[in-house]
Amino acid sequence: MIALAVAAGAAIAIALSLLRLFVGPTLYDRTLAANTIVLNAALVCAAAASAARRSDGIDAALALMFVAFVINVALLKFFRARTFQAPLAQAREGF
């Protein structure tokens, strides 16, 4: 019963994050909203698996969290450098 309440709360948080994703004024707000949606989806997946007493949903939730971490690192690198290339591979002007 508690797992279903957690899943319902996370579903409400996902709905609010979707609003921030589409209305957010900056790119950083939208990135934060997308990350929140993925992490709350992992929480819903884990809560539903716990309510159904199945362990395979927990594995899917952990995989979702790992994917969210990797995407977050990639987006932060892109926002900082404005490219996905390594610094040595970038062409420098003036040489």
PDB file of N, CA and C in Angstrom:
ATOM      1  N   MET A   1       0.807  -1.186   0.000  1.00  0.00           N
ATOM      2  CA  MET A   1       0.000   0.000   0.000  1.00  0.00           C
ATOM      3  C   MET A   1       0.860   1.264   0.000  1.00  0.00           C
ATOM      4  N   ILE A   2       1.942   1.221   0.753  1.00  0.00           N
ATOM      5  CA  ILE A   2       2.842   2.372   0.803  1.00  0.00           C
ATOM      6  C   ILE A   2       3.510   2.582  -0.550  1.00  0.00           C
ATOM      7  N   ALA A   3       3.867   1.480  -1.213  1.00  0.00           N
ATOM      8  CA  ALA A   3       4.521   1.587  -2.521  1.00  0.00           C
ATOM      9  C   ALA A   3       3.601   2.247  -3.546  1.00  0.00           C
ATOM     10  N   LEU A   4       2.319   1.955  -3.478  1.00  0.00           N
ATOM     11  CA  LEU A   4       1.380   2.590  -4.406  1.00  0.00           C
ATOM     12  C   LEU A   4       1.220   4.075  -4.119  1.00  0.00           C
ATOM     13  N   ALA A   5       1.273   4.462  -2.848  1.00  0.00           N
ATOM     14  CA  ALA A   5       1.210   5.882  -2.495  1.00  0.00           C
ATOM     15  C   ALA A   5       2.456   6.614  -2.993  1.00  0.00           C
ATOM     16  N   VAL A   6       3.613   5.975  -2.882  1.00  0.00           N
ATOM     17  CA  VAL A   6       4.858   6.564  -3.386  1.00  0.00           C
ATOM     18  C   VAL A   6       4.780   6.707  -4.904  1.00  0.00           C
ATOM     19  N   ALA A   7       4.270   5.691  -5.569  1.00  0.00           N
ATOM     20  CA  ALA A   7       4.132   5.749  -7.032  1.00  0.00           C
ATOM     21  C   ALA A   7       3.168   6.855  -7.448  1.00  0.00           C
ATOM     22  N   ALA A   8       2.087   7.033  -6.719  1.00  0.00           N
ATOM     23  CA  ALA A   8       1.133   8.098  -7.049  1.00  0.00           C
ATOM     24  C   ALA A   8       1.756   9.473  -6.830  1.00  0.00           C
ATOM     25  N   GLY A   9       2.501   9.632  -5.758  1.00  0.00           N
ATOM     26  CA  GLY A   9       3.187  10.902  -5.509  1.00  0.00           C
ATOM     27  C   GLY A   9       4.224  11.206  -6.574  1.00  0.00           C
ATOM     28  N   ALA A  10       4.953  10.190  -6.991  1.00  0.00           N
ATOM     29  CA  ALA A  10       5.944  10.382  -8.051  1.00  0.00           C
ATOM     30  C   ALA A  10       5.266  10.692  -9.381  1.00  0.00           C
ATOM     31  N   ALA A  11       4.111  10.121  -9.629  1.00  0.00           N
ATOM     32  CA  ALA A  11       3.376  10.424 -10.861  1.00  0.00           C
ATOM     33  C   ALA A  11       2.929  11.884 -10.881  1.00  0.00           C
ATOM     34  N   ILE A  12       2.529  12.403  -9.736  1.00  0.00           N
ATOM     35  CA  ILE A  12       2.170  13.824  -9.662  1.00  0.00           C
ATOM     36  C   ILE A  12       3.402  14.689  -9.900  1.00  0.00           C
ATOM     37  N   ALA A  13       4.537  14.286  -9.344  1.00  0.00           N
ATOM     38  CA  ALA A  13       5.787  15.033  -9.562  1.00  0.00           C
ATOM     39  C   ALA A  13       6.192  14.993 -11.035  1.00  0.00           C
ATOM     40  N   ILE A  14       5.947  13.876 -11.702  1.00  0.00           N
ATOM     41  CA  ILE A  14       6.244  13.780 -13.133  1.00  0.00           C
ATOM     42  C   ILE A  14       5.364  14.758 -13.918  1.00  0.00           C
ATOM     43  N   ALA A  15       4.091  14.851 -13.553  1.00  0.00           N
ATOM     44  CA  ALA A  15       3.190  15.777 -14.248  1.00  0.00           C
ATOM     45  C   ALA A  15       3.650  17.223 -14.077  1.00  0.00           C
ATOM     46  N   LEU A  16       4.067  17.586 -12.875  1.00  0.00           N
ATOM     47  CA  LEU A  16       4.563  18.941 -12.642  1.00  0.00           C
ATOM     48  C   LEU A  16       5.882  19.187 -13.373  1.00  0.00           C
ATOM     49  N   SER A  17       6.720  18.160 -13.452  1.00  0.00           N
ATOM     50  CA  SER A  17       7.987  18.294 -14.175  1.00  0.00           C
ATOM     51  C   SER A  17       7.756  18.432 -15.671  1.00  0.00           C
ATOM     52  N   LEU A  18       6.734  17.774 -16.192  1.00  0.00           N
ATOM     53  CA  LEU A  18       6.396  17.941 -17.605  1.00  0.00           C
ATOM     54  C   LEU A  18       6.005  19.383 -17.902  1.00  0.00           C
ATOM     55  N   LEU A  19       5.297  19.989 -16.974  1.00  0.00           N
ATOM     56  CA  LEU A  19       4.940  21.395 -17.135  1.00  0.00           C
ATOM     57  C   LEU A  19       6.203  22.256 -17.182  1.00  0.00           C
ATOM     58  N   ARG A  20       7.150  21.989 -16.286  1.00  0.00           N
ATOM     59  CA  ARG A  20       8.404  22.743 -16.272  1.00  0.00           C
ATOM     60  C   ARG A  20       9.232  22.463 -17.518  1.00  0.00           C
ATOM     61  N   LEU A  21       9.149  21.252 -18.033  1.00  0.00           N
ATOM     62  CA  LEU A  21       9.900  20.896 -19.228  1.00  0.00           C
ATOM     63  C   LEU A  21       9.447  21.717 -20.430  1.00  0.00           C
ATOM     64  N   PHE A  22       8.152  21.917 -20.572  1.00  0.00           N
ATOM     65  CA  PHE A  22       7.629  22.623 -21.741  1.00  0.00           C
ATOM     66  C   PHE A  22       7.566  24.137 -21.558  1.00  0.00           C
ATOM     67  N   VAL A  23       7.492  24.614 -20.306  1.00  0.00           N
ATOM     68  CA  VAL A  23       7.337  26.036 -20.060  1.00  0.00           C
ATOM     69  C   VAL A  23       8.618  26.676 -19.535  1.00  0.00           C
ATOM     70  N   GLY A  24       9.569  25.861 -19.080  1.00  0.00           N
ATOM     71  CA  GLY A  24      10.787  26.383 -18.464  1.00  0.00           C
ATOM     72  C   GLY A  24      11.468  27.448 -19.294  1.00  0.00           C
ATOM     73  N   PRO A  25      11.833  28.577 -18.678  1.00  0.00           N
ATOM     74  CA  PRO A  25      12.375  29.684 -19.458  1.00  0.00           C
ATOM     75  C   PRO A  25      13.795  29.443 -19.992  1.00  0.00           C
ATOM     76  N   THR A  26      14.587  28.644 -19.293  1.00  0.00           N
ATOM     77  CA  THR A  26      15.963  28.438 -19.744  1.00  0.00           C
ATOM     78  C   THR A  26      16.202  26.971 -20.078  1.00  0.00           C
ATOM     79  N   LEU A  27      17.297  26.741 -20.759  1.00  0.00           N
ATOM     80  CA  LEU A  27      17.679  25.379 -21.123  1.00  0.00           C
ATOM     81  C   LEU A  27      18.026  24.554 -19.887  1.00  0.00           C
ATOM     82  N   TYR A  28      18.600  25.199 -18.872  1.00  0.00           N
ATOM     83  CA  TYR A  28      18.942  24.499 -17.637  1.00  0.00           C
ATOM     84  C   TYR A  28      17.689  24.039 -16.893  1.00  0.00           C
ATOM     85  N   ASP A  29      16.632  24.848 -16.914  1.00  0.00           N
ATOM     86  CA  ASP A  29      15.369  24.433 -16.296  1.00  0.00           C
ATOM     87  C   ASP A  29      14.802  23.207 -16.996  1.00  0.00           C
ATOM     88  N   ARG A  30      14.893  23.195 -18.289  1.00  0.00           N
ATOM     89  CA  ARG A  30      14.373  22.053 -19.052  1.00  0.00           C
ATOM     90  C   ARG A  30      15.208  20.801 -18.818  1.00  0.00           C
ATOM     91  N   THR A  31      16.515  20.969 -18.683  1.00  0.00           N
ATOM     92  CA  THR A  31      17.371  19.816 -18.397  1.00  0.00           C
ATOM     93  C   THR A  31      17.074  19.249 -17.019  1.00  0.00           C
ATOM     94  N   LEU A  32      16.907  20.124 -16.050  1.00  0.00           N
ATOM     95  CA  LEU A  32      16.565  19.681 -14.703  1.00  0.00           C
ATOM     96  C   LEU A  32      15.218  18.970 -14.688  1.00  0.00           C
ATOM     97  N   ALA A  33      14.254  19.479 -15.440  1.00  0.00           N
ATOM     98  CA  ALA A  33      12.940  18.841 -15.514  1.00  0.00           C
ATOM     99  C   ALA A  33      13.035  17.461 -16.167  1.00  0.00           C
ATOM    100  N   ALA A  34      13.823  17.338 -17.227  1.00  0.00           N
ATOM    101  CA  ALA A  34      13.981  16.036 -17.881  1.00  0.00           C
ATOM    102  C   ALA A  34      14.647  15.034 -16.940  1.00  0.00           C
ATOM    103  N   ASN A  35      15.646  15.484 -16.196  1.00  0.00           N
ATOM    104  CA  ASN A  35      16.308  14.607 -15.236  1.00  0.00           C
ATOM    105  C   ASN A  35      15.339  14.192 -14.130  1.00  0.00           C
ATOM    106  N   THR A  36      14.527  15.116 -13.670  1.00  0.00           N
ATOM    107  CA  THR A  36      13.546  14.802 -12.638  1.00  0.00           C
ATOM    108  C   THR A  36      12.520  13.792 -13.141  1.00  0.00           C
ATOM    109  N   ILE A  37      12.113  13.925 -14.382  1.00  0.00           N
ATOM    110  CA  ILE A  37      11.144  12.991 -14.951  1.00  0.00           C
ATOM    111  C   ILE A  37      11.724  11.575 -15.007  1.00  0.00           C
ATOM    112  N   VAL A  38      12.960  11.459 -15.461  1.00  0.00           N
ATOM    113  CA  VAL A  38      13.570  10.127 -15.561  1.00  0.00           C
ATOM    114  C   VAL A  38      13.754   9.514 -14.177  1.00  0.00           C
ATOM    115  N   LEU A  39      14.211  10.299 -13.205  1.00  0.00           N
ATOM    116  CA  LEU A  39      14.404   9.757 -11.860  1.00  0.00           C
ATOM    117  C   LEU A  39      13.079   9.400 -11.190  1.00  0.00           C
ATOM    118  N   ASN A  40      12.049  10.199 -11.417  1.00  0.00           N
ATOM    119  CA  ASN A  40      10.740   9.844 -10.866  1.00  0.00           C
ATOM    120  C   ASN A  40      10.153   8.627 -11.571  1.00  0.00           C
ATOM    121  N   ALA A  41      10.434   8.462 -12.861  1.00  0.00           N
ATOM    122  CA  ALA A  41       9.992   7.248 -13.557  1.00  0.00           C
ATOM    123  C   ALA A  41      10.671   6.014 -12.962  1.00  0.00           C
ATOM    124  N   ALA A  42      11.937   6.163 -12.599  1.00  0.00           N
ATOM    125  CA  ALA A  42      12.637   5.050 -11.937  1.00  0.00           C
ATOM    126  C   ALA A  42      12.016   4.759 -10.575  1.00  0.00           C
ATOM    127  N   LEU A  43      11.613   5.814  -9.862  1.00  0.00           N
ATOM    128  CA  LEU A  43      10.956   5.628  -8.569  1.00  0.00           C
ATOM    129  C   LEU A  43       9.606   4.934  -8.728  1.00  0.00           C
ATOM    130  N   VAL A  44       8.843   5.313  -9.742  1.00  0.00           N
ATOM    131  CA  VAL A  44       7.557   4.662 -10.003  1.00  0.00           C
ATOM    132  C   VAL A  44       7.776   3.195 -10.358  1.00  0.00           C
ATOM    133  N   CYS A  45       8.791   2.937 -11.176  1.00  0.00           N
ATOM    134  CA  CYS A  45       9.099   1.559 -11.576  1.00  0.00           C
ATOM    135  C   CYS A  45       9.475   0.706 -10.356  1.00  0.00           C
ATOM    136  N   ALA A  46      10.314   1.257  -9.477  1.00  0.00           N
ATOM    137  CA  ALA A  46      10.717   0.514  -8.281  1.00  0.00           C
ATOM    138  C   ALA A  46       9.539   0.327  -7.322  1.00  0.00           C
ATOM    139  N   ALA A  47       8.700   1.343  -7.169  1.00  0.00           N
ATOM    140  CA  ALA A  47       7.546   1.221  -6.271  1.00  0.00           C
ATOM    141  C   ALA A  47       6.535   0.208  -6.803  1.00  0.00           C
ATOM    142  N   ALA A  48       6.308   0.222  -8.115  1.00  0.00           N
ATOM    143  CA  ALA A  48       5.376  -0.748  -8.698  1.00  0.00           C
ATOM    144  C   ALA A  48       5.923  -2.169  -8.576  1.00  0.00           C
ATOM    145  N   ALA A  49       7.224  -2.312  -8.753  1.00  0.00           N
ATOM    146  CA  ALA A  49       7.825  -3.643  -8.601  1.00  0.00           C
ATOM    147  C   ALA A  49       7.756  -4.111  -7.151  1.00  0.00           C
ATOM    148  N   SER A  50       7.922  -3.188  -6.229  1.00  0.00           N
ATOM    149  CA  SER A  50       7.825  -3.540  -4.816  1.00  0.00           C
ATOM    150  C   SER A  50       6.395  -3.925  -4.451  1.00  0.00           C
ATOM    151  N   ALA A  51       5.424  -3.210  -4.999  1.00  0.00           N
ATOM    152  CA  ALA A  51       4.022  -3.535  -4.711  1.00  0.00           C
ATOM    153  C   ALA A  51       3.640  -4.889  -5.295  1.00  0.00           C
ATOM    154  N   ALA A  52       4.210  -5.217  -6.468  1.00  0.00           N
ATOM    155  CA  ALA A  52       3.898  -6.496  -7.101  1.00  0.00           C
ATOM    156  C   ALA A  52       4.797  -7.621  -6.603  1.00  0.00           C
ATOM    157  N   ARG A  53       5.746  -7.292  -5.723  1.00  0.00           N
ATOM    158  CA  ARG A  53       6.713  -8.255  -5.172  1.00  0.00           C
ATOM    159  C   ARG A  53       7.509  -8.956  -6.271  1.00  0.00           C
ATOM    160  N   ARG A  54       7.986  -8.145  -7.226  1.00  0.00           N
ATOM    161  CA  ARG A  54       8.823  -8.657  -8.312  1.00  0.00           C
ATOM    162  C   ARG A  54      10.142  -7.908  -8.292  1.00  0.00           C
ATOM    163  N   SER A  55      11.230  -8.622  -8.479  1.00  0.00           N
ATOM    164  CA  SER A  55      12.552  -7.993  -8.383  1.00  0.00           C
ATOM    165  C   SER A  55      13.058  -7.467  -9.730  1.00  0.00           C
ATOM    166  N   ASP A  56      12.454  -7.868 -10.829  1.00  0.00           N
ATOM    167  CA  ASP A  56      12.957  -7.408 -12.121  1.00  0.00           C
ATOM    168  C   ASP A  56      12.669  -5.923 -12.353  1.00  0.00           C
ATOM    169  N   GLY A  57      11.659  -5.380 -11.721  1.00  0.00           N
ATOM    170  CA  GLY A  57      11.382  -3.951 -11.827  1.00  0.00           C
ATOM    171  C   GLY A  57      12.431  -3.110 -11.121  1.00  0.00           C
ATOM    172  N   ILE A  58      13.014  -3.650 -10.065  1.00  0.00           N
ATOM    173  CA  ILE A  58      14.090  -2.943  -9.357  1.00  0.00           C
ATOM    174  C   ILE A  58      15.303  -2.824 -10.268  1.00  0.00           C
ATOM    175  N   ASP A  59      15.595  -3.874 -11.026  1.00  0.00           N
ATOM    176  CA  ASP A  59      16.714  -3.824 -11.978  1.00  0.00           C
ATOM    177  C   ASP A  59      16.463  -2.777 -13.058  1.00  0.00           C
ATOM    178  N   ALA A  60      15.242  -2.693 -13.532  1.00  0.00           N
ATOM    179  CA  ALA A  60      14.905  -1.682 -14.538  1.00  0.00           C
ATOM    180  C   ALA A  60      15.035  -0.275 -13.962  1.00  0.00           C
ATOM    181  N   ALA A  61      14.651  -0.093 -12.702  1.00  0.00           N
ATOM    182  CA  ALA A  61      14.777   1.219 -12.058  1.00  0.00           C
ATOM    183  C   ALA A  61      16.246   1.607 -11.912  1.00  0.00           C
ATOM    184  N   LEU A  62      17.086   0.660 -11.544  1.00  0.00           N
ATOM    185  CA  LEU A  62      18.524   0.957 -11.431  1.00  0.00           C
ATOM    186  C   LEU A  62      19.118   1.301 -12.793  1.00  0.00           C
ATOM    187  N   ALA A  63      18.673   0.610 -13.837  1.00  0.00           N
ATOM    188  CA  ALA A  63      19.159   0.926 -15.185  1.00  0.00           C
ATOM    189  C   ALA A  63      18.714   2.330 -15.607  1.00  0.00           C
ATOM    190  N   LEU A  64      17.478   2.708 -15.293  1.00  0.00           N
ATOM    191  CA  LEU A  64      17.000   4.054 -15.589  1.00  0.00           C
ATOM    192  C   LEU A  64      17.817   5.115 -14.855  1.00  0.00           C
ATOM    193  N   MET A  65      18.164   4.854 -13.606  1.00  0.00           N
ATOM    194  CA  MET A  65      18.971   5.810 -12.849  1.00  0.00           C
ATOM    195  C   MET A  65      20.372   5.941 -13.434  1.00  0.00           C
ATOM    196  N   PHE A  66      20.945   4.842 -13.879  1.00  0.00           N
ATOM    197  CA  PHE A  66      22.267   4.897 -14.501  1.00  0.00           C
ATOM    198  C   PHE A  66      22.212   5.683 -15.809  1.00  0.00           C
ATOM    199  N   VAL A  67      21.192   5.451 -16.606  1.00  0.00           N
ATOM    200  CA  VAL A  67      21.034   6.188 -17.869  1.00  0.00           C
ATOM    201  C   VAL A  67      20.852   7.679 -17.590  1.00  0.00           C
ATOM    202  N   ALA A  68      20.079   8.014 -16.563  1.00  0.00           N
ATOM    203  CA  ALA A  68      19.883   9.423 -16.206  1.00  0.00           C
ATOM    204  C   ALA A  68      21.202  10.067 -15.809  1.00  0.00           C
ATOM    205  N   PHE A  69      22.043   9.349 -15.081  1.00  0.00           N
ATOM    206  CA  PHE A  69      23.340   9.888 -14.679  1.00  0.00           C
ATOM    207  C   PHE A  69      24.230  10.143 -15.891  1.00  0.00           C
ATOM    208  N   VAL A  70      24.288   9.192 -16.806  1.00  0.00           N
ATOM    209  CA  VAL A  70      25.136   9.336 -17.995  1.00  0.00           C
ATOM    210  C   VAL A  70      24.642  10.499 -18.869  1.00  0.00           C
ATOM    211  N   ILE A  71      23.339  10.608 -19.053  1.00  0.00           N
ATOM    212  CA  ILE A  71      22.797  11.699 -19.858  1.00  0.00           C
ATOM    213  C   ILE A  71      23.053  13.045 -19.187  1.00  0.00           C
ATOM    214  N   ASN A  72      22.944  13.094 -17.865  1.00  0.00           N
ATOM    215  CA  ASN A  72      23.227  14.332 -17.143  1.00  0.00           C
ATOM    216  C   ASN A  72      24.676  14.772 -17.340  1.00  0.00           C
ATOM    217  N   VAL A  73      25.606  13.850 -17.235  1.00  0.00           N
ATOM    218  CA  VAL A  73      27.011  14.187 -17.429  1.00  0.00           C
ATOM    219  C   VAL A  73      27.252  14.676 -18.859  1.00  0.00           C
ATOM    220  N   ALA A  74      26.645  14.017 -19.827  1.00  0.00           N
ATOM    221  CA  ALA A  74      26.819  14.429 -21.227  1.00  0.00           C
ATOM    222  C   ALA A  74      26.235  15.822 -21.471  1.00  0.00           C
ATOM    223  N   LEU A  75      25.062  16.093 -20.925  1.00  0.00           N
ATOM    224  CA  LEU A  75      24.459  17.408 -21.120  1.00  0.00           C
ATOM    225  C   LEU A  75      25.254  18.511 -20.434  1.00  0.00           C
ATOM    226  N   LEU A  76      25.747  18.243 -19.236  1.00  0.00           N
ATOM    227  CA  LEU A  76      26.555  19.252 -18.554  1.00  0.00           C
ATOM    228  C   LEU A  76      27.851  19.523 -19.307  1.00  0.00           C
ATOM    229  N   LYS A  77      28.453  18.488 -19.900  1.00  0.00           N
ATOM    230  CA  LYS A  77      29.646  18.689 -20.708  1.00  0.00           C
ATOM    231  C   LYS A  77      29.312  19.531 -21.935  1.00  0.00           C
ATOM    232  N   PHE A  78      28.179  19.253 -22.540  1.00  0.00           N
ATOM    233  CA  PHE A  78      27.782  20.020 -23.716  1.00  0.00           C
ATOM    234  C   PHE A  78      27.500  21.478 -23.364  1.00  0.00           C
ATOM    235  N   PHE A  79      26.829  21.716 -22.243  1.00  0.00           N
ATOM    236  CA  PHE A  79      26.535  23.092 -21.847  1.00  0.00           C
ATOM    237  C   PHE A  79      27.805  23.870 -21.540  1.00  0.00           C
ATOM    238  N   ARG A  80      28.799  23.194 -21.001  1.00  0.00           N
ATOM    239  CA  ARG A  80      30.037  23.882 -20.638  1.00  0.00           C
ATOM    240  C   ARG A  80      30.911  24.152 -21.849  1.00  0.00           C
ATOM    241  N   ALA A  81      31.072  23.153 -22.711  1.00  0.00           N
ATOM    242  CA  ALA A  81      32.008  23.279 -23.835  1.00  0.00           C
ATOM    243  C   ALA A  81      31.314  23.594 -25.158  1.00  0.00           C
ATOM    244  N   ARG A  82      29.999  23.458 -25.222  1.00  0.00           N
ATOM    245  CA  ARG A  82      29.218  23.645 -26.449  1.00  0.00           C
ATOM    246  C   ARG A  82      29.603  22.675 -27.556  1.00  0.00           C
ATOM    247  N   THR A  83      30.227  21.563 -27.193  1.00  0.00           N
ATOM    248  CA  THR A  83      30.559  20.508 -28.146  1.00  0.00           C
ATOM    249  C   THR A  83      30.775  19.208 -27.385  1.00  0.00           C
ATOM    250  N   PHE A  84      30.657  18.090 -28.092  1.00  0.00           N
ATOM    251  CA  PHE A  84      30.931  16.797 -27.488  1.00  0.00           C
ATOM    252  C   PHE A  84      32.344  16.306 -27.815  1.00  0.00           C
ATOM    253  N   GLN A  85      33.101  17.083 -28.583  1.00  0.00           N
ATOM    254  CA  GLN A  85      34.454  16.674 -28.952  1.00  0.00           C
ATOM    255  C   GLN A  85      35.400  16.835 -27.774  1.00  0.00           C
ATOM    256  N   ALA A  86      36.456  16.040 -27.797  1.00  0.00           N
ATOM    257  CA  ALA A  86      37.508  16.177 -26.799  1.00  0.00           C
ATOM    258  C   ALA A  86      38.271  17.471 -27.065  1.00  0.00           C
ATOM    259  N   PRO A  87      38.843  18.095 -26.031  1.00  0.00           N
ATOM    260  CA  PRO A  87      39.540  19.369 -26.235  1.00  0.00           C
ATOM    261  C   PRO A  87      40.688  19.288 -27.239  1.00  0.00           C
ATOM    262  N   LEU A  88      41.380  18.157 -27.335  1.00  0.00           N
ATOM    263  CA  LEU A  88      42.501  18.040 -28.267  1.00  0.00           C
ATOM    264  C   LEU A  88      42.025  17.894 -29.709  1.00  0.00           C
ATOM    265  N   ALA A  89      40.778  17.465 -29.909  1.00  0.00           N
ATOM    266  CA  ALA A  89      40.269  17.257 -31.262  1.00  0.00           C
ATOM    267  C   ALA A  89      39.663  18.523 -31.859  1.00  0.00           C
ATOM    268  N   GLN A  90      39.485  19.544 -31.055  1.00  0.00           N
ATOM    269  CA  GLN A  90      38.879  20.777 -31.552  1.00  0.00           C
ATOM    270  C   GLN A  90      39.892  21.586 -32.344  1.00  0.00           C
ATOM    271  N   ALA A  91      39.430  22.138 -33.419  1.00  0.00           N
ATOM    272  CA  ALA A  91      40.307  22.985 -34.242  1.00  0.00           C
ATOM    273  C   ALA A  91      40.501  24.326 -33.570  1.00  0.00           C
ATOM    274  N   ARG A  92      41.719  24.786 -33.535  1.00  0.00           N
ATOM    275  CA  ARG A  92      42.004  26.073 -32.910  1.00  0.00           C
ATOM    276  C   ARG A  92      42.249  27.114 -33.988  1.00  0.00           C
ATOM    277  N   GLU A  93      41.752  28.289 -33.759  1.00  0.00           N
ATOM    278  CA  GLU A  93      41.942  29.368 -34.718  1.00  0.00           C
ATOM    279  C   GLU A  93      43.300  30.011 -34.482  1.00  0.00           C
ATOM    280  N   GLY A  94      43.921  30.448 -35.571  1.00  0.00           N
ATOM    281  CA  GLY A  94      45.185  31.148 -35.456  1.00  0.00           C
ATOM    282  C   GLY A  94      46.407  30.260 -35.632  1.00  0.00           C
ATOM    283  N   PHE A  95      46.212  28.972 -35.867  1.00  0.00           N
ATOM    284  CA  PHE A  95      47.363  28.082 -36.074  1.00  0.00           C
ATOM    285  C   PHE A  95      47.446  27.640 -37.494  1.00  0.00           C
TER     286      PHE A  95
END
